[in-house]
């Protein structure tokens, strides 16, 4: 349990979009870098996403198995 399971689809989409804007191209075999990204801009954008995400989740407890799975252990 961990990693991508605990990140909202919106956050994943925002990070993916930012990486694509920075030159990443997602392909079947992984990721390809189209060009050298402007690291300062990419960092500031990713930092802003992280801060917005943290603000949205402020005061919420951690995600538990009960939030993700029903009584039979199946994803909700």
PDB file of N, CA and C in Angstrom:
ATOM      1  N   UNK A   1       0.846  -1.178   0.000  1.00  0.00           N
ATOM      2  CA  UNK A   1       0.000   0.000   0.000  1.00  0.00           C
ATOM      3  C   UNK A   1       0.889   1.237   0.000  1.00  0.00           C
ATOM      4  N   UNK A   2       0.612   2.162  -0.816  1.00  0.00           N
ATOM      5  CA  UNK A   2       1.378   3.395  -0.810  1.00  0.00           C
ATOM      6  C   UNK A   2       1.517   3.966  -2.199  1.00  0.00           C
ATOM      7  N   UNK A   3       2.310   5.000  -2.312  1.00  0.00           N
ATOM      8  CA  UNK A   3       2.579   5.584  -3.607  1.00  0.00           C
ATOM      9  C   UNK A   3       1.343   6.106  -4.297  1.00  0.00           C
ATOM     10  N   UNK A   4       1.154   5.682  -5.521  1.00  0.00           N
ATOM     11  CA  UNK A   4       0.092   6.200  -6.380  1.00  0.00           C
ATOM     12  C   UNK A   4      -1.297   5.967  -5.788  1.00  0.00           C
ATOM     13  N   UNK A   5      -1.477   4.939  -4.954  1.00  0.00           N
ATOM     14  CA  UNK A   5      -2.777   4.656  -4.350  1.00  0.00           C
ATOM     15  C   UNK A   5      -3.244   5.779  -3.432  1.00  0.00           C
ATOM     16  N   UNK A   6      -2.324   6.600  -2.955  1.00  0.00           N
ATOM     17  CA  UNK A   6      -2.683   7.634  -2.000  1.00  0.00           C
ATOM     18  C   UNK A   6      -2.697   9.034  -2.614  1.00  0.00           C
ATOM     19  N   UNK A   7      -2.626   9.124  -3.942  1.00  0.00           N
ATOM     20  CA  UNK A   7      -2.601  10.409  -4.622  1.00  0.00           C
ATOM     21  C   UNK A   7      -3.871  10.546  -5.461  1.00  0.00           C
ATOM     22  N   UNK A   8      -4.501  11.707  -5.387  1.00  0.00           N
ATOM     23  CA  UNK A   8      -5.731  11.899  -6.153  1.00  0.00           C
ATOM     24  C   UNK A   8      -5.432  11.936  -7.646  1.00  0.00           C
ATOM     25  N   UNK A   9      -6.423  11.539  -8.447  1.00  0.00           N
ATOM     26  CA  UNK A   9      -6.266  11.546  -9.901  1.00  0.00           C
ATOM     27  C   UNK A   9      -5.981  12.956 -10.412  1.00  0.00           C
ATOM     28  N   UNK A  10      -6.563  13.957  -9.780  1.00  0.00           N
ATOM     29  CA  UNK A  10      -6.337  15.345 -10.191  1.00  0.00           C
ATOM     30  C   UNK A  10      -4.876  15.722  -9.991  1.00  0.00           C
ATOM     31  N   UNK A  11      -4.305  15.351  -8.848  1.00  0.00           N
ATOM     32  CA  UNK A  11      -2.904  15.659  -8.579  1.00  0.00           C
ATOM     33  C   UNK A  11      -1.998  14.943  -9.566  1.00  0.00           C
ATOM     34  N   UNK A  12      -2.274  13.664  -9.831  1.00  0.00           N
ATOM     35  CA  UNK A  12      -1.476  12.913 -10.806  1.00  0.00           C
ATOM     36  C   UNK A  12      -1.557  13.590 -12.168  1.00  0.00           C
ATOM     37  N   UNK A  13      -2.757  13.997 -12.562  1.00  0.00           N
ATOM     38  CA  UNK A  13      -2.924  14.672 -13.844  1.00  0.00           C
ATOM     39  C   UNK A  13      -2.169  15.989 -13.914  1.00  0.00           C
ATOM     40  N   UNK A  14      -2.201  16.755 -12.818  1.00  0.00           N
ATOM     41  CA  UNK A  14      -1.475  18.026 -12.777  1.00  0.00           C
ATOM     42  C   UNK A  14       0.027  17.814 -12.881  1.00  0.00           C
ATOM     43  N   UNK A  15       0.538  16.825 -12.175  1.00  0.00           N
ATOM     44  CA  UNK A  15       1.970  16.530 -12.229  1.00  0.00           C
ATOM     45  C   UNK A  15       2.348  16.054 -13.633  1.00  0.00           C
ATOM     46  N   UNK A  16       1.541  15.166 -14.208  1.00  0.00           N
ATOM     47  CA  UNK A  16       1.815  14.666 -15.559  1.00  0.00           C
ATOM     48  C   UNK A  16       1.830  15.830 -16.553  1.00  0.00           C
ATOM     49  N   UNK A  17       0.836  16.707 -16.458  1.00  0.00           N
ATOM     50  CA  UNK A  17       0.756  17.859 -17.361  1.00  0.00           C
ATOM     51  C   UNK A  17       2.002  18.739 -17.213  1.00  0.00           C
ATOM     52  N   UNK A  18       2.412  18.995 -15.987  1.00  0.00           N
ATOM     53  CA  UNK A  18       3.591  19.824 -15.743  1.00  0.00           C
ATOM     54  C   UNK A  18       4.841  19.185 -16.332  1.00  0.00           C
ATOM     55  N   UNK A  19       4.979  17.872 -16.146  1.00  0.00           N
ATOM     56  CA  UNK A  19       6.132  17.180 -16.709  1.00  0.00           C
ATOM     57  C   UNK A  19       6.104  17.220 -18.236  1.00  0.00           C
ATOM     58  N   UNK A  20       4.921  17.091 -18.820  1.00  0.00           N
ATOM     59  CA  UNK A  20       4.798  17.182 -20.281  1.00  0.00           C
ATOM     60  C   UNK A  20       5.164  18.584 -20.759  1.00  0.00           C
ATOM     61  N   UNK A  21       4.735  19.604 -20.028  1.00  0.00           N
ATOM     62  CA  UNK A  21       5.086  20.974 -20.373  1.00  0.00           C
ATOM     63  C   UNK A  21       6.604  21.188 -20.282  1.00  0.00           C
ATOM     64  N   UNK A  22       7.244  20.433 -19.396  1.00  0.00           N
ATOM     65  CA  UNK A  22       8.693  20.550 -19.209  1.00  0.00           C
ATOM     66  C   UNK A  22       9.469  19.693 -20.203  1.00  0.00           C
ATOM     67  N   UNK A  23       8.759  18.963 -21.078  1.00  0.00           N
ATOM     68  CA  UNK A  23       9.445  18.204 -22.109  1.00  0.00           C
ATOM     69  C   UNK A  23       9.328  16.701 -22.000  1.00  0.00           C
ATOM     70  N   UNK A  24       8.634  16.187 -20.992  1.00  0.00           N
ATOM     71  CA  UNK A  24       8.478  14.738 -20.857  1.00  0.00           C
ATOM     72  C   UNK A  24       7.380  14.265 -21.802  1.00  0.00           C
ATOM     73  N   UNK A  25       7.611  13.132 -22.414  1.00  0.00           N
ATOM     74  CA  UNK A  25       6.594  12.511 -23.266  1.00  0.00           C
ATOM     75  C   UNK A  25       6.361  11.111 -22.737  1.00  0.00           C
ATOM     76  N   UNK A  26       5.150  10.823 -22.301  1.00  0.00           N
ATOM     77  CA  UNK A  26       4.821   9.515 -21.754  1.00  0.00           C
ATOM     78  C   UNK A  26       4.511   8.563 -22.902  1.00  0.00           C
ATOM     79  N   UNK A  27       5.266   7.461 -22.962  1.00  0.00           N
ATOM     80  CA  UNK A  27       5.120   6.460 -24.013  1.00  0.00           C
ATOM     81  C   UNK A  27       4.894   5.101 -23.364  1.00  0.00           C
ATOM     82  N   UNK A  28       4.521   4.095 -24.170  1.00  0.00           N
ATOM     83  CA  UNK A  28       4.222   2.769 -23.627  1.00  0.00           C
ATOM     84  C   UNK A  28       5.360   2.200 -22.786  1.00  0.00           C
ATOM     85  N   UNK A  29       6.590   2.448 -23.191  1.00  0.00           N
ATOM     86  CA  UNK A  29       7.743   1.863 -22.503  1.00  0.00           C
ATOM     87  C   UNK A  29       8.260   2.727 -21.359  1.00  0.00           C
ATOM     88  N   UNK A  30       7.612   3.853 -21.091  1.00  0.00           N
ATOM     89  CA  UNK A  30       8.080   4.715 -20.003  1.00  0.00           C
ATOM     90  C   UNK A  30       7.933   6.178 -20.351  1.00  0.00           C
ATOM     91  N   UNK A  31       9.019   6.922 -20.155  1.00  0.00           N
ATOM     92  CA  UNK A  31       9.006   8.370 -20.392  1.00  0.00           C
ATOM     93  C   UNK A  31      10.191   8.729 -21.276  1.00  0.00           C
ATOM     94  N   UNK A  32       9.952   9.657 -22.194  1.00  0.00           N
ATOM     95  CA  UNK A  32      10.977  10.132 -23.099  1.00  0.00           C
ATOM     96  C   UNK A  32      11.090  11.633 -22.919  1.00  0.00           C
ATOM     97  N   UNK A  33      12.308  12.148 -22.839  1.00  0.00           N
ATOM     98  CA  UNK A  33      12.494  13.592 -22.687  1.00  0.00           C
ATOM     99  C   UNK A  33      12.675  14.227 -24.054  1.00  0.00           C
ATOM    100  N   UNK A  34      11.726  15.072 -24.447  1.00  0.00           N
ATOM    101  CA  UNK A  34      11.764  15.724 -25.753  1.00  0.00           C
ATOM    102  C   UNK A  34      12.837  16.785 -25.835  1.00  0.00           C
ATOM    103  N   UNK A  35      12.993  17.541 -24.780  1.00  0.00           N
ATOM    104  CA  UNK A  35      13.958  18.629 -24.771  1.00  0.00           C
ATOM    105  C   UNK A  35      14.383  18.879 -23.331  1.00  0.00           C
ATOM    106  N   UNK A  36      15.436  19.636 -23.159  1.00  0.00           N
ATOM    107  CA  UNK A  36      15.880  19.954 -21.803  1.00  0.00           C
ATOM    108  C   UNK A  36      14.907  20.945 -21.187  1.00  0.00           C
ATOM    109  N   UNK A  37      14.268  20.543 -20.088  1.00  0.00           N
ATOM    110  CA  UNK A  37      13.274  21.444 -19.478  1.00  0.00           C
ATOM    111  C   UNK A  37      13.940  22.599 -18.739  1.00  0.00           C
ATOM    112  N   UNK A  38      13.208  23.680 -18.611  1.00  0.00           N
ATOM    113  CA  UNK A  38      13.627  24.798 -17.776  1.00  0.00           C
ATOM    114  C   UNK A  38      13.383  24.359 -16.339  1.00  0.00           C
ATOM    115  N   UNK A  39      14.416  23.961 -15.661  1.00  0.00           N
ATOM    116  CA  UNK A  39      14.283  23.351 -14.328  1.00  0.00           C
ATOM    117  C   UNK A  39      13.654  24.288 -13.305  1.00  0.00           C
ATOM    118  N   UNK A  40      13.998  25.556 -13.362  1.00  0.00           N
ATOM    119  CA  UNK A  40      13.437  26.498 -12.379  1.00  0.00           C
ATOM    120  C   UNK A  40      11.927  26.640 -12.545  1.00  0.00           C
ATOM    121  N   UNK A  41      11.479  26.736 -13.778  1.00  0.00           N
ATOM    122  CA  UNK A  41      10.047  26.847 -14.038  1.00  0.00           C
ATOM    123  C   UNK A  41       9.324  25.572 -13.628  1.00  0.00           C
ATOM    124  N   UNK A  42       9.893  24.409 -14.002  1.00  0.00           N
ATOM    125  CA  UNK A  42       9.281  23.128 -13.638  1.00  0.00           C
ATOM    126  C   UNK A  42       9.219  22.985 -12.119  1.00  0.00           C
ATOM    127  N   UNK A  43      10.283  23.357 -11.436  1.00  0.00           N
ATOM    128  CA  UNK A  43      10.300  23.258  -9.977  1.00  0.00           C
ATOM    129  C   UNK A  43       9.218  24.146  -9.362  1.00  0.00           C
ATOM    130  N   UNK A  44       9.128  25.386  -9.821  1.00  0.00           N
ATOM    131  CA  UNK A  44       8.123  26.306  -9.267  1.00  0.00           C
ATOM    132  C   UNK A  44       6.713  25.790  -9.523  1.00  0.00           C
ATOM    133  N   UNK A  45       6.476  25.255 -10.710  1.00  0.00           N
ATOM    134  CA  UNK A  45       5.146  24.735 -11.034  1.00  0.00           C
ATOM    135  C   UNK A  45       4.813  23.523 -10.178  1.00  0.00           C
ATOM    136  N   UNK A  46       5.750  22.579 -10.058  1.00  0.00           N
ATOM    137  CA  UNK A  46       5.520  21.394  -9.225  1.00  0.00           C
ATOM    138  C   UNK A  46       5.342  21.780  -7.761  1.00  0.00           C
ATOM    139  N   UNK A  47       6.107  22.749  -7.306  1.00  0.00           N
ATOM    140  CA  UNK A  47       5.984  23.219  -5.928  1.00  0.00           C
ATOM    141  C   UNK A  47       4.595  23.819  -5.687  1.00  0.00           C
ATOM    142  N   UNK A  48       4.102  24.588  -6.657  1.00  0.00           N
ATOM    143  CA  UNK A  48       2.774  25.187  -6.537  1.00  0.00           C
ATOM    144  C   UNK A  48       1.697  24.104  -6.489  1.00  0.00           C
ATOM    145  N   UNK A  49       1.845  23.058  -7.305  1.00  0.00           N
ATOM    146  CA  UNK A  49       0.894  21.939  -7.273  1.00  0.00           C
ATOM    147  C   UNK A  49       0.912  21.284  -5.895  1.00  0.00           C
ATOM    148  N   UNK A  50       2.096  21.038  -5.361  1.00  0.00           N
ATOM    149  CA  UNK A  50       2.223  20.397  -4.049  1.00  0.00           C
ATOM    150  C   UNK A  50       1.588  21.257  -2.959  1.00  0.00           C
ATOM    151  N   UNK A  51       1.794  22.568  -3.033  1.00  0.00           N
ATOM    152  CA  UNK A  51       1.218  23.458  -2.024  1.00  0.00           C
ATOM    153  C   UNK A  51      -0.306  23.511  -2.125  1.00  0.00           C
ATOM    154  N   UNK A  52      -0.843  23.539  -3.357  1.00  0.00           N
ATOM    155  CA  UNK A  52      -2.306  23.521  -3.520  1.00  0.00           C
ATOM    156  C   UNK A  52      -2.879  22.207  -3.000  1.00  0.00           C
ATOM    157  N   UNK A  53      -2.212  21.106  -3.302  1.00  0.00           N
ATOM    158  CA  UNK A  53      -2.677  19.799  -2.847  1.00  0.00           C
ATOM    159  C   UNK A  53      -2.656  19.726  -1.320  1.00  0.00           C
ATOM    160  N   UNK A  54      -1.583  20.210  -0.722  1.00  0.00           N
ATOM    161  CA  UNK A  54      -1.479  20.203   0.741  1.00  0.00           C
ATOM    162  C   UNK A  54      -2.588  21.037   1.365  1.00  0.00           C
ATOM    163  N   UNK A  55      -2.896  22.174   0.759  1.00  0.00           N
ATOM    164  CA  UNK A  55      -3.956  23.032   1.289  1.00  0.00           C
ATOM    165  C   UNK A  55      -5.320  22.344   1.195  1.00  0.00           C
ATOM    166  N   UNK A  56      -5.567  21.649   0.074  1.00  0.00           N
ATOM    167  CA  UNK A  56      -6.831  20.926  -0.091  1.00  0.00           C
ATOM    168  C   UNK A  56      -6.997  19.821   0.950  1.00  0.00           C
ATOM    169  N   UNK A  57      -5.897  19.217   1.354  1.00  0.00           N
ATOM    170  CA  UNK A  57      -5.943  18.091   2.287  1.00  0.00           C
ATOM    171  C   UNK A  57      -5.668  18.497   3.730  1.00  0.00           C
ATOM    172  N   UNK A  58      -5.511  19.792   3.962  1.00  0.00           N
ATOM    173  CA  UNK A  58      -5.219  20.309   5.293  1.00  0.00           C
ATOM    174  C   UNK A  58      -6.303  19.893   6.285  1.00  0.00           C
ATOM    175  N   UNK A  59      -5.895  19.349   7.407  1.00  0.00           N
ATOM    176  CA  UNK A  59      -6.835  18.959   8.449  1.00  0.00           C
ATOM    177  C   UNK A  59      -7.447  17.587   8.268  1.00  0.00           C
ATOM    178  N   UNK A  60      -7.208  16.963   7.131  1.00  0.00           N
ATOM    179  CA  UNK A  60      -7.728  15.622   6.908  1.00  0.00           C
ATOM    180  C   UNK A  60      -6.743  14.596   7.471  1.00  0.00           C
ATOM    181  N   UNK A  61      -7.266  13.528   7.973  1.00  0.00           N
ATOM    182  CA  UNK A  61      -6.407  12.469   8.476  1.00  0.00           C
ATOM    183  C   UNK A  61      -5.807  11.679   7.316  1.00  0.00           C
ATOM    184  N   UNK A  62      -4.918  10.775   7.634  1.00  0.00           N
ATOM    185  CA  UNK A  62      -4.331   9.946   6.577  1.00  0.00           C
ATOM    186  C   UNK A  62      -5.375   9.008   5.978  1.00  0.00           C
ATOM    187  N   UNK A  63      -5.138   8.592   4.758  1.00  0.00           N
ATOM    188  CA  UNK A  63      -6.021   7.633   4.100  1.00  0.00           C
ATOM    189  C   UNK A  63      -5.782   6.263   4.718  1.00  0.00           C
ATOM    190  N   UNK A  64      -6.862   5.567   5.029  1.00  0.00           N
ATOM    191  CA  UNK A  64      -6.742   4.240   5.627  1.00  0.00           C
ATOM    192  C   UNK A  64      -7.288   3.190   4.667  1.00  0.00           C
ATOM    193  N   UNK A  65      -7.078   1.926   4.998  1.00  0.00           N
ATOM    194  CA  UNK A  65      -7.630   0.839   4.197  1.00  0.00           C
ATOM    195  C   UNK A  65      -9.152   0.943   4.114  1.00  0.00           C
ATOM    196  N   UNK A  66      -9.778   1.396   5.183  1.00  0.00           N
ATOM    197  CA  UNK A  66     -11.239   1.531   5.208  1.00  0.00           C
ATOM    198  C   UNK A  66     -11.721   2.559   4.188  1.00  0.00           C
ATOM    199  N   UNK A  67     -10.880   3.545   3.868  1.00  0.00           N
ATOM    200  CA  UNK A  67     -11.239   4.547   2.861  1.00  0.00           C
ATOM    201  C   UNK A  67     -11.155   3.974   1.448  1.00  0.00           C
ATOM    202  N   UNK A  68     -10.363   2.947   1.271  1.00  0.00           N
ATOM    203  CA  UNK A  68     -10.091   2.412  -0.068  1.00  0.00           C
ATOM    204  C   UNK A  68     -10.786   1.104  -0.385  1.00  0.00           C
ATOM    205  N   UNK A  69     -11.115   0.301   0.660  1.00  0.00           N
ATOM    206  CA  UNK A  69     -11.638  -1.041   0.441  1.00  0.00           C
ATOM    207  C   UNK A  69     -12.915  -1.277   1.234  1.00  0.00           C
ATOM    208  N   UNK A  70     -13.804  -2.089   0.668  1.00  0.00           N
ATOM    209  CA  UNK A  70     -15.015  -2.459   1.380  1.00  0.00           C
ATOM    210  C   UNK A  70     -14.732  -3.595   2.359  1.00  0.00           C
ATOM    211  N   UNK A  71     -15.771  -4.117   3.001  1.00  0.00           N
ATOM    212  CA  UNK A  71     -15.609  -5.157   4.014  1.00  0.00           C
ATOM    213  C   UNK A  71     -15.048  -6.466   3.458  1.00  0.00           C
ATOM    214  N   UNK A  72     -15.170  -6.655   2.139  1.00  0.00           N
ATOM    215  CA  UNK A  72     -14.659  -7.878   1.513  1.00  0.00           C
ATOM    216  C   UNK A  72     -13.265  -7.673   0.929  1.00  0.00           C
ATOM    217  N   UNK A  73     -12.672  -6.525   1.177  1.00  0.00           N
ATOM    218  CA  UNK A  73     -11.324  -6.243   0.687  1.00  0.00           C
ATOM    219  C   UNK A  73     -11.253  -5.793  -0.756  1.00  0.00           C
ATOM    220  N   UNK A  74     -12.415  -5.443  -1.329  1.00  0.00           N
ATOM    221  CA  UNK A  74     -12.442  -4.998  -2.718  1.00  0.00           C
ATOM    222  C   UNK A  74     -12.371  -3.479  -2.774  1.00  0.00           C
ATOM    223  N   UNK A  75     -11.735  -2.930  -3.816  1.00  0.00           N
ATOM    224  CA  UNK A  75     -11.664  -1.464  -3.924  1.00  0.00           C
ATOM    225  C   UNK A  75     -13.059  -0.858  -3.975  1.00  0.00           C
ATOM    226  N   UNK A  76     -13.187   0.255  -3.306  1.00  0.00           N
ATOM    227  CA  UNK A  76     -14.476   0.971  -3.267  1.00  0.00           C
ATOM    228  C   UNK A  76     -14.686   1.689  -4.585  1.00  0.00           C
TER     229      UNK A  76
END
